[in-house]
Protein backbone atom coordinates (compact mmCIF):
# COMPACT_ATOMS: atom_id res chain seq x y z
CA UNK A 1 100.51 78.79 104.10
CA UNK A 2 101.17 77.61 107.62
CA UNK A 3 101.73 81.61 108.49
CA UNK A 4 98.69 82.00 106.58
CA UNK A 5 96.59 80.13 108.75
CA UNK A 6 97.66 81.40 111.69
CA UNK A 7 97.33 84.78 109.89
CA UNK A 8 93.66 84.14 109.68
CA UNK A 9 92.68 82.23 112.54
CA UNK A 10 94.40 84.65 115.14
CA UNK A 11 93.14 88.00 113.19
CA UNK A 12 89.97 87.43 111.63
CA UNK A 13 88.82 84.45 113.45
CA UNK A 14 88.09 82.44 110.14
CA UNK A 15 89.23 78.58 110.18
CA UNK A 16 90.42 78.51 106.65
CA UNK A 17 89.94 80.75 103.24
CA UNK A 18 88.30 79.59 100.40
CA UNK A 19 89.50 78.11 97.43
CA UNK A 20 89.42 80.96 94.93
CA UNK A 21 90.93 83.52 97.99
CA UNK A 22 93.78 81.00 98.64
CA UNK A 23 94.91 81.35 94.92
CA UNK A 24 95.16 84.84 95.59
CA UNK A 25 96.26 85.16 98.74
CA UNK A 26 99.70 82.45 96.76
CA UNK A 27 100.14 84.57 94.06
CA UNK A 28 100.78 87.53 96.31
CA UNK A 29 102.94 85.88 98.45
CA UNK A 30 104.92 84.66 95.19
CA UNK A 31 105.25 88.26 93.96
CA UNK A 32 102.89 86.89 91.16
CA UNK A 33 100.99 89.39 89.22
CA UNK A 34 97.22 88.78 89.78
CA UNK A 35 93.82 89.70 88.61
CA UNK A 36 90.88 88.46 91.53
CA UNK A 37 87.15 88.07 90.07
CA UNK A 38 85.11 87.86 92.93
CA UNK A 39 81.32 89.05 93.33
CA UNK A 40 80.49 91.33 96.17
CA UNK A 41 80.66 88.96 99.71
CA UNK A 42 83.43 86.59 97.93
CA UNK A 43 86.30 88.48 100.19
CA UNK A 44 88.49 89.94 98.35
CA UNK A 45 89.70 92.03 101.01
CA UNK A 46 91.43 89.16 102.32
CA UNK A 47 93.18 88.00 99.45
CA UNK A 48 95.69 91.59 99.87
CA UNK A 49 95.08 91.66 103.45
CA UNK A 50 96.18 88.95 104.29
CA UNK A 51 99.33 88.77 102.36
CA UNK A 52 99.49 91.97 103.56
CA UNK A 53 100.51 90.56 107.07
CA UNK A 54 102.87 88.10 105.43
CA UNK A 55 104.86 90.35 103.50
CA UNK A 56 107.46 92.33 105.15
CA UNK A 57 106.92 95.80 103.51
CA UNK A 58 103.80 98.33 103.20
CA UNK A 59 100.75 97.17 101.27
CA UNK A 60 98.91 99.97 99.06
CA UNK A 61 95.42 99.91 98.58
CA UNK A 62 94.28 101.97 95.81
CA UNK A 63 90.22 102.53 96.37
CA UNK A 64 87.54 105.06 94.72
CA UNK A 65 85.58 106.41 97.80
CA UNK A 66 86.31 107.66 101.43
CA UNK A 67 83.91 105.49 102.72
CA UNK A 68 85.22 102.35 101.78
CA UNK A 69 88.62 103.43 103.17
CA UNK A 70 87.22 104.64 106.19
CA UNK A 71 84.72 100.77 106.62
CA UNK A 72 88.38 98.76 105.24
CA UNK A 73 90.23 100.52 108.24
CA UNK A 74 88.20 100.52 110.51
CA UNK A 75 87.23 97.34 110.29
CA UNK A 76 91.62 96.01 110.50
CA UNK A 77 92.08 98.23 113.74
CA UNK A 78 89.45 96.14 115.25
CA UNK A 79 91.31 93.47 114.55
CA UNK A 80 94.95 94.73 115.84
CA UNK A 81 96.22 95.53 112.24
CA UNK A 82 97.84 98.54 112.09
CA UNK A 83 96.02 100.59 109.11
CA UNK A 84 95.48 103.64 107.98
CA UNK A 85 94.50 105.87 105.17
CA UNK A 86 95.08 109.55 103.33
CA UNK A 87 92.14 111.62 102.07
CA UNK A 88 90.96 115.47 101.56
CA UNK A 89 88.45 115.04 104.31
CA UNK A 90 91.02 114.70 106.98
CA UNK A 91 92.85 117.20 108.42
CA UNK A 92 96.44 118.27 108.36
CA UNK A 93 97.42 117.34 111.44
CA UNK A 94 95.99 113.85 110.79
CA UNK A 95 97.56 113.31 107.59
CA UNK A 96 100.78 114.35 109.32
CA UNK A 97 100.59 112.01 111.58
CA UNK A 98 99.96 109.03 109.44
CA UNK A 99 102.42 110.10 106.92
CA UNK A 100 105.22 109.85 110.22
CA UNK A 101 103.65 106.29 110.89
CA UNK A 102 104.47 105.05 107.25
CA UNK A 103 108.08 106.04 107.17
CA UNK A 104 108.28 104.80 110.88
CA UNK A 105 106.76 101.63 109.55
CA UNK A 106 103.71 101.89 111.99
CA UNK A 107 101.28 100.95 109.21
CA UNK A 108 101.09 97.26 107.15
CA UNK A 109 98.35 98.76 105.21
CA UNK A 110 98.00 102.04 103.71
CA UNK A 111 94.59 103.25 101.68
CA UNK A 112 94.68 105.88 99.23
CA UNK A 113 92.73 107.23 96.34
CA UNK A 114 93.60 106.76 92.99
CA UNK A 115 93.96 110.83 92.67
CA UNK A 116 96.60 110.74 95.67
CA UNK A 117 98.92 108.16 94.03
CA UNK A 118 101.43 110.34 92.79
CA UNK A 119 101.87 111.61 95.93
CA UNK A 120 103.10 108.12 97.57
CA UNK A 121 106.71 107.55 96.18
CA UNK A 122 107.56 111.04 98.49
CA UNK A 123 105.68 109.60 101.35
CA UNK A 124 107.22 106.56 101.51
CA UNK A 125 111.08 107.20 101.70
CA UNK A 126 112.96 103.92 101.83
CA UNK A 127 109.81 102.05 103.22
CA UNK A 128 109.73 99.09 101.18
CA UNK A 129 106.32 98.18 99.33
CA UNK A 130 105.99 94.71 99.14
CA UNK A 131 101.96 94.66 97.21
CA UNK A 132 99.81 97.36 95.29
CA UNK A 133 96.16 96.26 95.74
CA UNK A 134 93.64 97.96 93.13
CA UNK A 135 90.21 97.61 94.54
CA UNK A 136 87.25 98.12 92.56
CA UNK A 137 89.30 97.87 89.59
CA UNK A 138 86.78 97.82 87.22
CA UNK A 139 87.02 101.46 87.44
CA UNK A 140 89.97 101.38 85.09
CA UNK A 141 87.96 100.14 82.13
CA UNK A 142 86.24 101.86 79.58
CA UNK A 143 84.03 99.21 78.83
CA UNK A 144 83.20 98.95 82.91
CA UNK A 145 79.99 99.93 84.43
CA UNK A 146 81.59 102.61 86.39
CA UNK A 147 84.51 104.02 84.52
CA UNK A 148 87.15 106.72 86.69
CA UNK A 149 90.18 108.64 84.24
CA UNK A 150 92.13 108.38 87.22
CA UNK A 151 92.67 105.01 87.30
CA UNK A 152 93.87 104.72 83.61
CA UNK A 153 96.85 106.10 85.58
CA UNK A 154 97.67 103.61 88.27
CA UNK A 155 99.69 101.98 85.64
CA UNK A 156 101.84 104.98 85.41
CA UNK A 157 102.13 105.23 89.02
CA UNK A 158 102.99 101.94 89.67
CA UNK A 159 106.15 102.52 87.38
CA UNK A 160 106.85 105.25 89.51
CA UNK A 161 106.47 102.79 92.51
CA UNK A 162 109.58 100.65 92.00
CA UNK A 163 106.68 98.38 89.98
CA UNK A 164 105.54 96.55 93.00
CA UNK A 165 103.51 93.07 92.36
CA UNK A 166 99.86 94.27 92.02
CA UNK A 167 96.60 92.08 92.51
CA UNK A 168 93.49 94.16 90.77
CA UNK A 169 90.56 93.30 92.48
CA UNK A 170 87.09 94.34 90.01
CA UNK A 171 83.80 93.91 91.59
CA UNK A 172 82.32 92.45 88.12
CA UNK A 173 84.80 92.08 84.73
CA UNK A 174 83.41 90.85 81.52
CA UNK A 175 86.45 89.59 79.32
CA UNK A 176 86.85 93.14 77.51
CA UNK A 177 86.99 94.37 80.93
CA UNK A 178 89.51 92.02 82.21
CA UNK A 179 91.76 93.23 79.21
CA UNK A 180 91.54 96.49 79.61
CA UNK A 181 92.59 96.03 83.13
CA UNK A 182 95.83 93.92 82.55
CA UNK A 183 96.95 96.08 79.96
CA UNK A 184 96.51 99.43 81.86
CA UNK A 185 98.26 98.12 85.49
CA UNK A 186 101.01 96.55 82.40
CA UNK A 187 100.49 92.73 84.52
CA UNK A 188 102.29 90.00 83.59
CA UNK A 189 101.28 86.49 82.76
CA UNK A 190 98.79 86.88 85.93
CA UNK A 191 97.10 84.78 87.92
CA UNK A 192 93.30 84.54 87.25
CA UNK A 193 91.09 83.92 89.89
CA UNK A 194 87.41 83.65 89.11
CA UNK A 195 84.35 82.52 90.91
CA UNK A 196 80.73 82.12 90.10
CA UNK A 197 78.05 85.15 90.49
CA UNK A 198 75.32 83.43 91.29
CA UNK A 199 73.51 83.80 94.25
CA UNK A 200 70.23 81.12 95.01
CA UNK A 201 68.86 83.79 97.57
CA UNK A 202 68.74 86.33 94.57
CA UNK A 203 65.70 86.64 92.07
CA UNK A 204 65.33 89.05 89.14
CA UNK A 205 62.27 89.61 87.34
CA UNK A 206 60.78 92.14 85.08
CA UNK A 207 57.03 92.89 84.85
CA UNK A 208 55.30 94.84 82.59
CA UNK A 209 52.40 97.08 83.97
CA UNK A 210 49.36 98.85 82.01
CA UNK A 211 50.36 102.65 83.96
CA UNK A 212 51.14 104.22 87.15
CA UNK A 213 48.50 102.94 89.00
CA UNK A 214 49.00 99.45 88.21
CA UNK A 215 52.72 99.89 89.08
CA UNK A 216 52.28 101.63 92.47
CA UNK A 217 49.58 98.57 93.07
CA UNK A 218 52.32 96.41 92.22
CA UNK A 219 55.14 97.59 94.15
CA UNK A 220 52.88 98.10 97.33
CA UNK A 221 52.19 94.06 96.70
CA UNK A 222 56.02 93.38 96.92
CA UNK A 223 56.87 95.54 100.07
CA UNK A 224 53.46 93.76 101.85
CA UNK A 225 55.11 90.17 101.16
CA UNK A 226 59.08 91.24 102.53
CA UNK A 227 59.43 90.56 106.40
CA UNK A 228 62.80 92.62 106.41
CA UNK A 229 64.44 95.65 104.29
CA UNK A 230 63.81 96.95 101.08
CA UNK A 231 65.32 98.95 98.80
CA UNK A 232 63.30 100.87 95.92
CA UNK A 233 64.68 102.44 93.38
CA UNK A 234 62.46 105.51 91.32
CA UNK A 235 63.03 108.02 88.49
CA UNK A 236 64.92 110.75 89.86
CA UNK A 237 62.60 113.87 90.26
CA UNK A 238 59.87 111.37 91.69
CA UNK A 239 59.83 111.35 95.48
CA UNK A 240 57.49 109.55 98.21
CA UNK A 241 55.04 112.92 98.36
CA UNK A 242 54.44 111.94 94.27
CA UNK A 243 53.45 108.45 95.25
CA UNK A 244 49.41 106.99 95.85
CA UNK A 245 48.62 107.55 99.16
CA UNK A 246 48.20 103.85 98.77
CA UNK A 247 51.80 103.18 98.48
CA UNK A 248 53.37 106.17 99.93
CA UNK A 249 51.62 104.77 103.21
CA UNK A 250 53.05 100.85 102.75
CA UNK A 251 56.01 102.84 102.92
CA UNK A 252 55.94 105.14 105.86
CA UNK A 253 54.70 102.00 107.76
CA UNK A 254 57.53 99.98 107.15
CA UNK A 255 59.68 102.74 108.03
CA UNK A 256 58.21 103.12 111.55
CA UNK A 257 58.52 99.38 111.39
CA UNK A 258 61.96 98.89 110.16
CA UNK A 259 62.81 101.82 112.66
CA UNK A 260 61.23 100.20 116.04
CA UNK A 261 63.43 96.94 114.66
CA UNK A 262 66.52 98.42 114.77
CA UNK A 263 66.56 99.93 118.42
CA UNK A 264 68.80 98.04 120.75
CA UNK A 265 69.02 98.39 124.72
CA UNK A 266 71.20 101.02 124.63
CA UNK A 267 68.70 103.66 123.13
CA UNK A 268 70.40 103.51 120.00
CA UNK A 269 68.63 103.37 116.43
CA UNK A 270 68.78 103.49 112.88
CA UNK A 271 66.19 105.32 110.78
CA UNK A 272 65.00 103.75 107.46
CA UNK A 273 64.37 107.25 105.20
CA UNK A 274 64.31 107.91 101.38
CA UNK A 275 68.17 108.58 99.57
CA UNK A 276 68.84 110.05 96.10
CA UNK A 277 72.13 109.90 94.54
CA UNK A 278 73.71 111.05 91.41
CA UNK A 279 76.61 111.60 88.82
CA UNK A 280 75.75 115.08 88.38
């Protein structure tokens, strides 16, 4: 673990790994299958990024979203780590450059979406694959909250890649989801690493309101108490124009305050606004 400690300090600037991270990293270095269930912010990425630099071959990371891949690769490159991703959003010339760099051994971590996994064996050439990391592995399970059918084929794809040791990293996983992940990936006597999801800084509560006006008054009061950022979820189709004047005004005031607070000396700023996503 001396090499791990050196990498951790020199690349990421951390003095040591947390105990769950240490168990996961050690499993990867020993070639063991692993299932790592850590909360958001628990340092899941280091559980495969550190071994990727300690192991001799390429580490392949399966990730569900282009934005996640971009963020991870950008952060690694800032640390001086040779990382890249392949996605349909890239120009053909850039995809070709990434493939050439992988074959030449200049890339240590390669991120791909599950839909692209079947192309990887032809991409590797003679390059050995040391580790297969499945990020957001809860997407594998039909019992999970974010099921992705393409994730069900990762077990097959692992066989086509020569069955490299896998590390599965779900954000959350019930016992049913864990068993499903183990079965689909074909994990053999995996090292199972879990950590508490208790967050002292988070509070969950529910208040019954008599009607829409009461609901919006309660929301306005809550917004007035928060000094930092706030996220408000509303049913689809209900935008700020449909809100009562008191609450819409509170949101507009908060938007102006957050925008001012995000200004920096160079004149750059972030903007607070309204965002909606759907699965349709």
